[in-house]
Amino acid sequence: MNRRVEFLFDYGSPFSYLASLQIEGFAKRNGAIVAYTPILLGAVLKAAGNVSPMTVPAKARYMTIELQRWAQRYDVAFKSNPHPFMSNTLRLMRGAVAAQQLGVFPPYHRAVFRAVWADAQDLGNDAVLHGVLERAGVPTADLIAAAERQDVKDRLRHNTDEAVRRGVFGAPTFFVGDEMFWGNDRFDFVEQALRSLA
């Protein structure tokens, strides 16, 4: 049986960013493949009756500390992103689906996560977004056009609806078969689940 871990993410999730920087090495160590599934976290939260921890003052303060702890543990760059587009990542998530369909997902994915959470750039600004994608070697005009296609919009909606159906309530979420794991700090359990497939 193939070892496969599904990674559900949203670019607005800082813990998804941290998990994304680990998952390729994690998969390689475990002889697994990663299936990247873009979802719209805001819609998942709403459907699950959940809210962003940043809307709860005590959680927001603690989360700020935790993010720095994890960034230090992973030895990666991290900056909070203050820009308004963070409240609605729909365009970026449609871009992820379009990038998958165009075969340019890896450079798109890495560039967007880095721009949002390492460089704190305003990807709601078209010129900034285009510059990030162009520097990453992504065919920007093609991707922007593809992100507006109905099949791309439908795929993101399907991913999100299916995530809700499977019990997802936040990001990052991982699946190994039907087993669900939520959070950047669940890699040990994901590894156990992968090993059980051997």
Protein backbone atom coordinates (compact mmCIF):
# COMPACT_ATOMS: atom_id res chain seq x y z
CA MET A 1 0.00 0.00 0.00
CA ASN A 2 1.33 3.45 -0.91
CA ARG A 3 2.14 5.71 1.99
CA ARG A 4 0.21 8.89 1.37
CA VAL A 5 -0.41 11.87 3.59
CA GLU A 6 -2.96 14.48 2.59
CA PHE A 7 -2.16 18.04 3.66
CA LEU A 8 -5.10 20.46 3.86
CA PHE A 9 -4.00 24.08 4.12
CA ASP A 10 -4.87 27.73 3.66
CA TYR A 11 -2.29 30.45 3.06
CA GLY A 12 -3.94 32.51 5.79
CA SER A 13 -2.94 29.91 8.40
CA PRO A 14 0.48 30.54 9.96
CA PHE A 15 0.63 27.03 11.36
CA SER A 16 -0.03 25.71 7.85
CA TYR A 17 3.03 27.70 6.75
CA LEU A 18 5.15 26.10 9.46
CA ALA A 19 3.83 22.63 8.63
CA SER A 20 4.44 23.19 4.93
CA LEU A 21 8.12 23.84 5.56
CA GLN A 22 8.41 20.48 7.32
CA ILE A 23 6.21 18.17 5.31
CA GLU A 24 8.47 17.50 2.32
CA GLY A 25 11.33 16.31 4.51
CA PHE A 26 8.89 14.43 6.72
CA ALA A 27 7.41 12.63 3.72
CA LYS A 28 10.84 11.74 2.35
CA ARG A 29 11.94 10.28 5.69
CA ASN A 30 8.80 8.18 5.82
CA GLY A 31 8.75 7.07 2.19
CA ALA A 32 5.44 8.86 1.67
CA ILE A 33 3.92 11.09 -0.96
CA VAL A 34 2.11 14.32 -0.11
CA ALA A 35 -1.26 15.21 -1.59
CA TYR A 36 -1.71 18.97 -1.20
CA THR A 37 -5.34 20.01 -0.81
CA PRO A 38 -6.12 23.74 -0.86
CA ILE A 39 -9.17 24.64 1.22
CA LEU A 40 -10.87 27.89 2.17
CA LEU A 41 -10.30 28.03 5.90
CA GLY A 42 -12.86 30.75 6.55
CA ALA A 43 -15.63 28.60 5.10
CA VAL A 44 -14.44 25.57 7.08
CA LEU A 45 -14.43 27.55 10.32
CA LYS A 46 -17.91 28.85 9.64
CA ALA A 47 -19.32 25.43 8.76
CA ALA A 48 -17.72 23.85 11.83
CA GLY A 49 -18.91 26.56 14.20
CA ASN A 50 -15.27 27.43 14.87
CA VAL A 51 -13.49 30.80 14.95
CA SER A 52 -9.96 31.95 14.33
CA PRO A 53 -7.94 31.92 17.57
CA MET A 54 -6.83 35.44 16.67
CA THR A 55 -10.38 36.64 17.42
CA VAL A 56 -10.08 35.49 21.05
CA PRO A 57 -7.72 37.90 22.87
CA ALA A 58 -6.17 35.38 25.28
CA LYS A 59 -5.69 32.81 22.50
CA ALA A 60 -4.27 35.46 20.18
CA ARG A 61 -1.64 36.46 22.73
CA TYR A 62 -0.67 32.85 23.33
CA MET A 63 -0.69 31.99 19.63
CA THR A 64 1.75 34.82 18.95
CA ILE A 65 4.18 33.26 21.44
CA GLU A 66 3.63 29.73 20.10
CA LEU A 67 4.30 30.78 16.52
CA GLN A 68 7.65 32.25 17.53
CA ARG A 69 8.50 29.11 19.49
CA TRP A 70 7.79 26.87 16.52
CA ALA A 71 9.65 29.15 14.10
CA GLN A 72 12.68 29.00 16.39
CA ARG A 73 12.43 25.23 16.73
CA TYR A 74 12.27 24.80 12.96
CA ASP A 75 14.86 27.57 12.44
CA VAL A 76 12.70 29.34 9.85
CA ALA A 77 11.79 32.94 9.16
CA PHE A 78 8.43 34.13 10.49
CA LYS A 79 6.67 37.49 10.60
CA SER A 80 3.05 38.24 11.44
CA ASN A 81 1.23 39.63 8.43
CA PRO A 82 -0.81 42.76 9.20
CA HIS A 83 -2.36 43.33 5.77
CA PRO A 84 -6.16 43.32 5.23
CA PHE A 85 -6.15 40.59 2.55
CA MET A 86 -5.42 38.08 5.32
CA SER A 87 -9.10 38.07 6.25
CA ASN A 88 -9.97 36.67 2.82
CA THR A 89 -7.51 34.37 1.05
CA LEU A 90 -9.98 33.27 -1.63
CA ARG A 91 -7.88 34.56 -4.53
CA LEU A 92 -4.70 32.92 -3.24
CA MET A 93 -6.45 29.59 -2.66
CA ARG A 94 -7.99 29.64 -6.13
CA GLY A 95 -4.49 30.39 -7.34
CA ALA A 96 -3.25 27.23 -5.61
CA VAL A 97 -5.84 25.12 -7.44
CA ALA A 98 -4.98 26.84 -10.73
CA ALA A 99 -1.28 26.23 -10.07
CA GLN A 100 -1.98 22.53 -9.56
CA GLN A 101 -3.85 22.37 -12.84
CA LEU A 102 -1.10 24.26 -14.69
CA GLY A 103 1.66 22.07 -13.24
CA VAL A 104 3.37 24.94 -11.38
CA PHE A 105 2.16 24.25 -7.86
CA PRO A 106 5.53 23.79 -6.07
CA PRO A 107 6.97 27.21 -6.97
CA TYR A 108 3.60 28.93 -6.46
CA HIS A 109 3.06 27.28 -3.08
CA ARG A 110 6.51 28.04 -1.73
CA ALA A 111 6.52 31.61 -3.03
CA VAL A 112 3.10 32.48 -1.61
CA PHE A 113 3.72 30.99 1.82
CA ARG A 114 7.14 32.70 2.01
CA ALA A 115 5.71 36.05 0.92
CA VAL A 116 2.86 35.87 3.45
CA TRP A 117 4.61 34.52 6.54
CA ALA A 118 8.36 35.08 6.11
CA ASP A 119 8.26 38.48 4.38
CA ALA A 120 4.82 39.75 5.53
CA GLN A 121 4.04 41.10 2.05
CA ASP A 122 0.67 42.49 0.99
CA LEU A 123 -0.53 39.93 -1.56
CA GLY A 124 -3.82 41.79 -1.78
CA ASN A 125 -1.89 44.29 -3.87
CA ASP A 126 -1.85 43.11 -7.49
CA ALA A 127 1.60 44.52 -8.23
CA VAL A 128 3.09 42.82 -5.16
CA LEU A 129 1.42 39.50 -5.96
CA HIS A 130 2.50 39.58 -9.58
CA GLY A 131 6.06 40.41 -8.56
CA VAL A 132 6.18 37.48 -6.12
CA LEU A 133 4.89 35.05 -8.74
CA GLU A 134 7.14 36.33 -11.51
CA ARG A 135 10.24 36.04 -9.33
CA ALA A 136 9.23 32.45 -8.57
CA GLY A 137 9.04 31.67 -12.28
CA VAL A 138 5.26 31.18 -12.26
CA PRO A 139 3.50 32.13 -15.53
CA THR A 140 1.61 34.91 -13.81
CA ALA A 141 -0.84 35.96 -16.50
CA ASP A 142 -1.81 32.35 -17.20
CA LEU A 143 -2.28 31.60 -13.53
CA ILE A 144 -4.35 34.70 -12.80
CA ALA A 145 -6.60 33.87 -15.76
CA ALA A 146 -6.90 30.21 -14.74
CA ALA A 147 -7.85 31.17 -11.18
CA GLU A 148 -11.00 32.82 -12.57
CA ARG A 149 -12.19 29.72 -14.43
CA GLN A 150 -15.34 28.08 -13.13
CA ASP A 151 -13.73 24.64 -12.87
CA VAL A 152 -11.04 26.07 -10.58
CA LYS A 153 -13.64 27.80 -8.40
CA ASP A 154 -15.64 24.57 -8.27
CA ARG A 155 -12.60 22.51 -7.29
CA LEU A 156 -11.80 24.78 -4.34
CA ARG A 157 -15.43 24.65 -3.26
CA HIS A 158 -15.43 20.87 -3.56
CA ASN A 159 -12.20 20.60 -1.54
CA THR A 160 -13.68 22.78 1.17
CA ASP A 161 -17.05 21.02 1.29
CA GLU A 162 -15.35 17.64 1.37
CA ALA A 163 -13.09 18.78 4.21
CA VAL A 164 -16.15 19.79 6.24
CA ARG A 165 -17.82 16.46 5.47
CA ARG A 166 -14.75 14.65 6.78
CA GLY A 167 -14.81 16.56 10.05
CA VAL A 168 -12.15 19.19 9.39
CA PHE A 169 -12.46 22.29 11.58
CA GLY A 170 -9.12 24.05 11.10
CA ALA A 171 -5.76 24.06 9.33
CA PRO A 172 -3.36 22.50 8.92
CA THR A 173 -5.13 19.15 8.84
CA PHE A 174 -3.57 15.88 7.72
CA PHE A 175 -5.19 12.64 6.66
CA VAL A 176 -3.60 9.22 6.47
CA GLY A 177 -6.37 7.12 5.01
CA ASP A 178 -9.42 8.04 7.08
CA GLU A 179 -7.42 9.10 10.14
CA MET A 180 -7.42 12.85 10.73
CA PHE A 181 -4.74 14.85 12.52
CA TRP A 182 -5.04 18.58 13.21
CA GLY A 183 -2.17 20.92 13.85
CA ASN A 184 1.47 21.57 13.10
CA ASP A 185 2.38 19.63 16.26
CA ARG A 186 0.88 16.31 15.14
CA PHE A 187 3.66 15.01 12.92
CA ASP A 188 4.55 12.26 15.41
CA PHE A 189 1.04 10.86 15.19
CA VAL A 190 1.00 11.19 11.41
CA GLU A 191 4.26 9.23 11.31
CA GLN A 192 2.76 6.47 13.46
CA ALA A 193 -0.21 6.25 11.13
CA LEU A 194 2.06 6.01 8.08
CA ARG A 195 4.12 3.26 9.71
CA SER A 196 0.98 1.28 10.40
CA LEU A 197 0.46 1.03 6.63
CA ALA A 198 3.68 -0.96 6.16
